[in-house]
Amino acid sequence: MKTYGIKGMTCEGCVGAVTKALQAVLGDVEFEVSLAENCVKVKGEHDPERVREAVEGAGFEFGGEGGLETPGGVSYGKRLETFST
C-alpha cells in the first residue's frame, strides 16, 4: 500500500471530488481517501503520476508519497490558536 498526501481538503465534499477523480483513473484498484489524514491510501498496482494528475485535476495539491505530517500541512497548535476566541 502507498500513501500520498493531499493538501487543501477541508470537508466531505472535497473527499467526494478526489474520490470521483481517482475512480476514473484507478478503475478497480482499491483506495481510500482520508480527510482526517489528508491523504489517499492506494492498494495494488498503480501509476503514481496518474494519482497526482487526478488529485490536481480535482483542484487539490498533491503532497507526494508518504502523506502529510498534519491535516492541511498546518501544525495543530497554530490551527487551535487561529480558531480560539
Protein backbone atom coordinates (compact mmCIF):
# COMPACT_ATOMS: atom_id res chain seq x y z
CA MET A 1 0.00 0.00 0.00
CA LYS A 2 1.21 3.50 -0.82
CA THR A 3 0.09 6.70 0.87
CA TYR A 4 0.01 10.07 -0.90
CA GLY A 5 -0.63 13.41 0.75
CA ILE A 6 -3.41 15.69 -0.44
CA LYS A 7 -3.30 19.36 0.53
CA GLY A 8 -6.42 21.51 0.66
CA MET A 9 -9.21 19.08 1.56
CA THR A 10 -11.49 20.67 4.17
CA CYS A 11 -14.78 18.74 4.00
CA GLU A 12 -16.53 15.58 2.85
CA GLY A 13 -17.32 17.32 -0.43
CA CYS A 14 -13.58 17.55 -1.05
CA VAL A 15 -13.23 13.84 -0.29
CA GLY A 16 -16.01 13.12 -2.78
CA ALA A 17 -14.34 15.17 -5.51
CA VAL A 18 -10.99 13.42 -5.01
CA THR A 19 -12.67 10.00 -4.82
CA LYS A 20 -14.53 10.58 -8.09
CA ALA A 21 -11.35 11.73 -9.85
CA LEU A 22 -9.38 8.74 -8.56
CA GLN A 23 -12.09 6.25 -9.55
CA ALA A 24 -11.76 7.49 -13.11
CA VAL A 25 -8.01 6.75 -13.26
CA LEU A 26 -7.59 3.82 -10.87
CA GLY A 27 -10.54 1.72 -12.00
CA ASP A 28 -10.69 -1.46 -9.92
CA VAL A 29 -7.65 -0.62 -7.77
CA GLU A 30 -8.67 -0.33 -4.11
CA PHE A 31 -8.06 3.04 -2.44
CA GLU A 32 -9.27 5.14 0.49
CA VAL A 33 -9.33 8.94 0.72
CA SER A 34 -8.95 10.22 4.30
CA LEU A 35 -9.97 13.73 5.32
CA ALA A 36 -8.57 13.22 8.84
CA GLU A 37 -5.13 12.31 7.49
CA ASN A 38 -5.31 14.42 4.30
CA CYS A 39 -4.18 11.52 2.17
CA VAL A 40 -5.15 8.72 -0.15
CA LYS A 41 -4.04 5.15 0.52
CA VAL A 42 -3.78 3.04 -2.64
CA LYS A 43 -3.51 -0.76 -2.65
CA GLY A 44 -2.29 -2.69 -5.65
CA GLU A 45 -0.58 -1.77 -8.90
CA HIS A 46 -0.99 1.83 -9.97
CA ASP A 47 0.85 4.71 -11.60
CA PRO A 48 1.67 7.42 -9.03
CA GLU A 49 1.68 10.00 -11.81
CA ARG A 50 -1.97 9.19 -12.59
CA VAL A 51 -2.80 9.63 -8.90
CA ARG A 52 -1.09 13.04 -8.94
CA GLU A 53 -2.97 14.08 -12.09
CA ALA A 54 -6.31 13.03 -10.59
CA VAL A 55 -5.71 14.87 -7.31
CA GLU A 56 -4.60 18.03 -9.08
CA GLY A 57 -7.42 17.72 -11.62
CA ALA A 58 -9.89 17.71 -8.71
CA GLY A 59 -8.42 21.04 -7.58
CA PHE A 60 -6.10 19.93 -4.79
CA GLU A 61 -2.36 19.93 -4.26
CA PHE A 62 -0.61 16.57 -4.46
CA GLY A 63 1.62 16.20 -1.39
CA GLY A 64 3.66 13.29 -2.69
CA GLU A 65 4.30 9.85 -1.27
CA GLY A 66 4.22 9.38 2.47
CA GLY A 67 1.28 11.62 3.38
CA LEU A 68 1.38 14.84 5.37
CA GLU A 69 2.53 15.38 8.93
CA THR A 70 -0.69 17.19 9.90
CA PRO A 71 -4.01 17.86 8.16
CA GLY A 72 -3.66 20.72 5.71
CA GLY A 73 0.05 20.92 6.41
CA VAL A 74 -0.70 23.19 9.40
CA SER A 75 0.53 22.42 12.89
CA TYR A 76 -2.24 21.65 15.37
CA GLY A 77 -1.04 24.38 17.73
CA LYS A 78 -1.36 27.04 15.06
CA ARG A 79 -4.75 25.73 13.97
CA LEU A 80 -6.08 25.86 17.55
CA GLU A 81 -4.67 29.34 18.04
CA THR A 82 -6.35 30.52 14.84
CA PHE A 83 -9.80 29.37 15.98
CA SER A 84 -9.63 30.35 19.66
CA THR A 85 -11.78 33.25 20.93
